[in-house]
C-alpha atoms as a PDB file:
ATOM      1  CA  MET A   1      -3.271  10.122   7.096  1.00  0.00           C
ATOM      2  CA  ARG A   2      -5.498   9.885  10.329  1.00  0.00           C
ATOM      3  CA  GLN A   3      -8.290  12.201   9.074  1.00  0.00           C
ATOM      4  CA  ALA A   4      -8.096  10.530   5.647  1.00  0.00           C
ATOM      5  CA  MET A   5      -8.822   7.376   7.411  1.00  0.00           C
ATOM      6  CA  MET A   6     -11.781   8.827   9.301  1.00  0.00           C
ATOM      7  CA  LEU A   7     -13.101  10.430   6.072  1.00  0.00           C
ATOM      8  CA  THR A   8     -12.816   7.523   3.758  1.00  0.00           C
ATOM      9  CA  LYS A   9     -14.365   5.181   6.599  1.00  0.00           C
ATOM     10  CA  ALA A  10     -16.981   7.665   6.727  1.00  0.00           C
ATOM     11  CA  PHE A  11     -17.499   7.713   2.909  1.00  0.00           C
ATOM     12  CA  ASN A  12     -17.515   3.882   2.718  1.00  0.00           C
ATOM     13  CA  ASP A  13     -20.017   3.456   5.252  1.00  0.00           C
ATOM     14  CA  SER A  14     -22.315   6.531   3.729  1.00  0.00           C
ATOM     15  CA  ASP A  15     -25.851   5.970   2.799  1.00  0.00           C
ATOM     16  CA  PRO A  16     -25.969   5.699  -0.810  1.00  0.00           C
ATOM     17  CA  GLN A  17     -29.455   7.338  -0.759  1.00  0.00           C
ATOM     18  CA  ASP A  18     -27.618  10.431   0.468  1.00  0.00           C
ATOM     19  CA  PRO A  19     -25.536  11.640  -2.529  1.00  0.00           C
ATOM     20  CA  GLU A  20     -25.102  15.160  -0.941  1.00  0.00           C
ATOM     21  CA  ARG A  21     -23.340  13.823   2.163  1.00  0.00           C
ATOM     22  CA  ARG A  22     -21.104  11.576  -0.146  1.00  0.00           C
ATOM     23  CA  ARG A  23     -20.208  14.678  -2.087  1.00  0.00           C
ATOM     24  CA  THR A  24     -19.063  16.667   0.873  1.00  0.00           C
ATOM     25  CA  LEU A  25     -16.938  13.840   2.004  1.00  0.00           C
ATOM     26  CA  LEU A  26     -15.095  13.424  -1.118  1.00  0.00           C
ATOM     27  CA  GLU A  27     -14.528  17.447  -0.917  1.00  0.00           C
ATOM     28  CA  GLN A  28     -13.124  17.204   2.431  1.00  0.00           C
ATOM     29  CA  LEU A  29     -11.192  13.946   1.518  1.00  0.00           C
ATOM     30  CA  LEU A  30      -9.948  14.622  -1.934  1.00  0.00           C
ATOM     31  CA  GLY A  31      -7.422  17.387  -3.230  1.00  0.00           C
ATOM     32  CA  SER A  32     -10.179  18.090  -5.711  1.00  0.00           C
ATOM     33  CA  VAL A  33     -13.290  16.348  -7.271  1.00  0.00           C
ATOM     34  CA  GLY A  34     -14.994  17.440 -10.251  1.00  0.00           C
ATOM     35  CA  THR A  35     -18.628  17.692 -11.077  1.00  0.00           C
ATOM     36  CA  ASP A  36     -20.669  14.829 -11.484  1.00  0.00           C
ATOM     37  CA  VAL A  37     -17.796  12.368 -10.139  1.00  0.00           C
ATOM     38  CA  ASP A  38     -19.500   8.717  -9.132  1.00  0.00           C
ATOM     39  CA  ILE A  39     -17.067   6.776  -6.891  1.00  0.00           C
ATOM     40  CA  ARG A  40     -18.424   3.345  -5.734  1.00  0.00           C
ATOM     41  CA  PRO A  41     -17.317   2.447  -1.956  1.00  0.00           C
ATOM     42  CA  PRO A  42     -15.246   1.205  -0.899  1.00  0.00           C
ATOM     43  CA  LEU A  43     -12.751   3.650  -1.759  1.00  0.00           C
ATOM     44  CA  HIS A  44      -8.984   3.259  -0.214  1.00  0.00           C
ATOM     45  CA  VAL A  45      -6.573   6.194  -0.021  1.00  0.00           C
ATOM     46  CA  ASP A  46      -3.112   7.181   2.091  1.00  0.00           C
ATOM     47  CA  TYR A  47      -3.925  10.665   2.118  1.00  0.00           C
ATOM     48  CA  GLY A  48      -6.744  11.641  -0.194  1.00  0.00           C
ATOM     49  CA  SER A  49      -5.500  15.291  -0.274  1.00  0.00           C
ATOM     50  CA  HIS A  50      -3.041  14.200  -3.370  1.00  0.00           C
ATOM     51  CA  LEU A  51      -5.975  12.549  -5.152  1.00  0.00           C
ATOM     52  CA  HIS A  52      -7.368  14.921  -7.765  1.00  0.00           C
ATOM     53  CA  ILE A  53     -10.481  13.525  -9.777  1.00  0.00           C
ATOM     54  CA  GLY A  54     -11.702  15.121 -12.923  1.00  0.00           C
ATOM     55  CA  ALA A  55     -15.632  15.965 -14.105  1.00  0.00           C
ATOM     56  CA  ARG A  56     -18.170  13.094 -15.206  1.00  0.00           C
ATOM     57  CA  THR A  57     -15.482  10.315 -14.006  1.00  0.00           C
ATOM     58  CA  PHE A  58     -16.866   6.751 -12.683  1.00  0.00           C
ATOM     59  CA  ILE A  59     -14.762   4.586 -10.497  1.00  0.00           C
ATOM     60  CA  ASN A  60     -16.268   1.526  -9.678  1.00  0.00           C
ATOM     61  CA  PHE A  61     -16.063  -0.484  -6.461  1.00  0.00           C
ATOM     62  CA  GLY A  62     -12.741  -0.939  -4.456  1.00  0.00           C
ATOM     63  CA  LEU A  63     -10.365   1.686  -5.947  1.00  0.00           C
ATOM     64  CA  MET A  64      -7.094   1.630  -4.119  1.00  0.00           C
ATOM     65  CA  ALA A  65      -5.127   4.837  -4.524  1.00  0.00           C
ATOM     66  CA  LEU A  66      -1.935   5.114  -2.642  1.00  0.00           C
ATOM     67  CA  ASP A  67      -1.495   8.542  -2.975  1.00  0.00           C
ATOM     68  CA  VAL A  68       1.952   9.516  -1.336  1.00  0.00           C
ATOM     69  CA  ALA A  69       2.666  11.340  -4.604  1.00  0.00           C
ATOM     70  CA  GLN A  70       0.135  13.052  -6.675  1.00  0.00           C
ATOM     71  CA  ILE A  71      -2.553  11.259  -8.511  1.00  0.00           C
ATOM     72  CA  ARG A  72      -4.670  13.197 -11.214  1.00  0.00           C
ATOM     73  CA  ILE A  73      -7.263  11.454 -13.111  1.00  0.00           C
ATOM     74  CA  GLY A  74      -8.684  13.525 -15.896  1.00  0.00           C
ATOM     75  CA  GLU A  75     -12.307  14.351 -16.880  1.00  0.00           C
ATOM     76  CA  ASP A  76     -14.583  11.463 -18.245  1.00  0.00           C
ATOM     77  CA  VAL A  77     -12.605   8.419 -17.017  1.00  0.00           C
ATOM     78  CA  MET A  78     -14.068   5.168 -16.214  1.00  0.00           C
ATOM     79  CA  MET A  79     -12.380   2.966 -14.082  1.00  0.00           C
ATOM     80  CA  GLY A  80     -13.634  -0.845 -13.551  1.00  0.00           C
ATOM     81  CA  PRO A  81     -13.399  -2.577  -9.912  1.00  0.00           C
ATOM     82  CA  ASN A  82     -10.509  -2.844  -7.784  1.00  0.00           C
ATOM     83  CA  VAL A  83      -8.094  -0.776  -9.785  1.00  0.00           C
ATOM     84  CA  GLN A  84      -5.140  -0.090  -7.936  1.00  0.00           C
ATOM     85  CA  LEU A  85      -3.188   3.390  -8.427  1.00  0.00           C
ATOM     86  CA  LEU A  86       0.214   2.883  -6.609  1.00  0.00           C
ATOM     87  CA  THR A  87       2.696   5.802  -6.241  1.00  0.00           C
ATOM     88  CA  PRO A  88       5.003   4.486  -3.542  1.00  0.00           C
ATOM     89  CA  THR A  89       8.409   3.222  -4.424  1.00  0.00           C
ATOM     90  CA  HIS A  90      10.990   1.204  -2.703  1.00  0.00           C
ATOM     91  CA  PRO A  91      14.838   0.763  -3.053  1.00  0.00           C
ATOM     92  CA  ILE A  92      15.908  -2.502  -4.899  1.00  0.00           C
ATOM     93  CA  ASP A  93      18.966  -2.393  -2.577  1.00  0.00           C
ATOM     94  CA  PRO A  94      17.803  -4.452   0.619  1.00  0.00           C
ATOM     95  CA  GLU A  95      19.650  -2.336   3.249  1.00  0.00           C
ATOM     96  CA  PRO A  96      17.672   1.056   2.546  1.00  0.00           C
ATOM     97  CA  ARG A  97      14.555  -1.128   2.050  1.00  0.00           C
ATOM     98  CA  ARG A  98      15.283  -2.943   5.550  1.00  0.00           C
ATOM     99  CA  ALA A  99      15.334   0.626   6.818  1.00  0.00           C
ATOM    100  CA  LYS A 100      11.941   1.561   5.317  1.00  0.00           C
ATOM    101  CA  TRP A 101      13.202   4.004   3.179  1.00  0.00           C
ATOM    102  CA  GLU A 102      10.261   4.935   0.558  1.00  0.00           C
ATOM    103  CA  ALA A 103       9.745   7.428  -2.473  1.00  0.00           C
ATOM    104  CA  ALA A 104       7.007   8.245  -4.578  1.00  0.00           C
ATOM    105  CA  LEU A 105       6.333   8.948  -8.281  1.00  0.00           C
ATOM    106  CA  PRO A 106       3.168  10.574  -9.607  1.00  0.00           C
ATOM    107  CA  ILE A 107       0.413   9.061 -11.765  1.00  0.00           C
ATOM    108  CA  THR A 108      -1.417  10.971 -14.323  1.00  0.00           C
ATOM    109  CA  ILE A 109      -4.311   9.748 -16.179  1.00  0.00           C
ATOM    110  CA  GLY A 110      -5.744  11.620 -19.287  1.00  0.00           C
ATOM    111  CA  ASP A 111      -9.170  12.605 -20.221  1.00  0.00           C
ATOM    112  CA  ASN A 112     -11.601  10.009 -21.440  1.00  0.00           C
ATOM    113  CA  VAL A 113      -9.540   6.964 -20.413  1.00  0.00           C
ATOM    114  CA  TRP A 114     -10.816   3.465 -19.391  1.00  0.00           C
ATOM    115  CA  ILE A 115      -9.404   1.346 -17.145  1.00  0.00           C
ATOM    116  CA  GLY A 116     -10.486  -1.987 -16.711  1.00  0.00           C
ATOM    117  CA  GLY A 117     -10.941  -3.889 -13.690  1.00  0.00           C
ATOM    118  CA  MET A 118      -8.063  -4.866 -11.184  1.00  0.00           C
ATOM    119  CA  ALA A 119      -5.372  -3.046 -13.681  1.00  0.00           C
ATOM    120  CA  VAL A 120      -2.510  -2.039 -11.555  1.00  0.00           C
ATOM    121  CA  ILE A 121      -0.914   1.492 -12.513  1.00  0.00           C
ATOM    122  CA  CYS A 122       2.672   1.518 -11.082  1.00  0.00           C
ATOM    123  CA  PRO A 123       4.458   4.669 -10.087  1.00  0.00           C
ATOM    124  CA  GLY A 124       5.203   7.553 -12.308  1.00  0.00           C
ATOM    125  CA  VAL A 125       3.434   6.348 -15.083  1.00  0.00           C
ATOM    126  CA  THR A 126       1.268   8.404 -17.603  1.00  0.00           C
ATOM    127  CA  ILE A 127      -1.719   7.330 -19.608  1.00  0.00           C
ATOM    128  CA  GLY A 128      -2.609   9.770 -22.841  1.00  0.00           C
ATOM    129  CA  ASN A 129      -6.010  10.839 -23.466  1.00  0.00           C
ATOM    130  CA  ASN A 130      -8.788   8.449 -24.556  1.00  0.00           C
ATOM    131  CA  SER A 131      -6.427   5.392 -23.932  1.00  0.00           C
ATOM    132  CA  VAL A 132      -8.062   1.706 -23.017  1.00  0.00           C
ATOM    133  CA  ILE A 133      -6.008  -0.512 -20.343  1.00  0.00           C
ATOM    134  CA  GLY A 134      -7.170  -4.076 -20.430  1.00  0.00           C
ATOM    135  CA  ALA A 135      -8.629  -5.806 -17.192  1.00  0.00           C
ATOM    136  CA  GLY A 136      -5.996  -7.101 -15.035  1.00  0.00           C
ATOM    137  CA  SER A 137      -3.255  -5.148 -16.770  1.00  0.00           C
ATOM    138  CA  VAL A 138       0.015  -4.029 -14.789  1.00  0.00           C
ATOM    139  CA  VAL A 139       0.952  -0.556 -16.320  1.00  0.00           C
ATOM    140  CA  THR A 140       4.477  -0.161 -15.430  1.00  0.00           C
ATOM    141  CA  LYS A 141       5.876   2.355 -18.217  1.00  0.00           C
ATOM    142  CA  ASP A 142       3.762   5.525 -19.983  1.00  0.00           C
ATOM    143  CA  ILE A 143       1.132   4.677 -22.486  1.00  0.00           C
ATOM    144  CA  PRO A 144       0.352   7.260 -25.163  1.00  0.00           C
ATOM    145  CA  ALA A 145      -2.856   8.619 -26.084  1.00  0.00           C
ATOM    146  CA  ASP A 146      -5.551   6.974 -28.202  1.00  0.00           C
ATOM    147  CA  VAL A 147      -4.251   3.366 -28.007  1.00  0.00           C
ATOM    148  CA  VAL A 148      -5.459   0.152 -26.185  1.00  0.00           C
ATOM    149  CA  ALA A 149      -2.840  -1.742 -23.986  1.00  0.00           C
ATOM    150  CA  LEU A 150      -2.915  -4.775 -21.899  1.00  0.00           C
ATOM    151  CA  GLY A 151      -1.129  -7.548 -20.397  1.00  0.00           C
ATOM    152  CA  ASN A 152       1.658  -7.842 -17.748  1.00  0.00           C
ATOM    153  CA  PRO A 153       3.554  -5.782 -18.411  1.00  0.00           C
ATOM    154  CA  ALA A 154       0.963  -3.646 -20.415  1.00  0.00           C
ATOM    155  CA  ARG A 155       1.997  -3.035 -23.918  1.00  0.00           C
ATOM    156  CA  VAL A 156       0.356  -1.365 -26.419  1.00  0.00           C
ATOM    157  CA  ILE A 157      -1.584  -3.514 -29.120  1.00  0.00           C
ATOM    158  CA  LYS A 158      -3.421  -1.047 -31.253  1.00  0.00           C
ATOM    159  CA  SER A 159      -4.906   2.350 -31.673  1.00  0.00           C
ATOM    160  CA  VAL A 160      -8.324   2.968 -30.263  1.00  0.00           C
ATOM    161  CA  TYR A 161      -9.344   3.826 -33.901  1.00  0.00           C
ATOM    162  CA  ASP A 162      -8.361   0.470 -35.530  1.00  0.00           C
ATOM    163  CA  ARG A 163     -11.646  -1.351 -36.668  1.00  0.00           C
END
């Protein structure tokens, strides 16, 4: 976690005119990073090593990826600013919560997904290929492939192929 904090700070403070340095920092920080990935700082992670990002993915400013469990982002994904990917969970029962018990569930985002700005993806969620998540949505359950989902909680409103 300390190494992730140092690498994240270095990435966030890096010169946008030095893409090779930024790429090197991401390769050191993340579990894996595909080709032609563009992440706009600031980036915030717990560990970084549990975050995997597929090729040609674009992540706008302010991603918060609490990667206590694995987060897998597919290829050709687009994320708006200030998206939150949250894997930690805490007990509902007050006693273990007071004792600071924590668990985590993985997040999986398929290929060619678009996640609008300020969306929150909750622990254990999978988003299917080609789907769109509306800005500001809170995704608490799995979203199938090829749909548009939005709201709080996010609900499927139509197919991406509906005109």
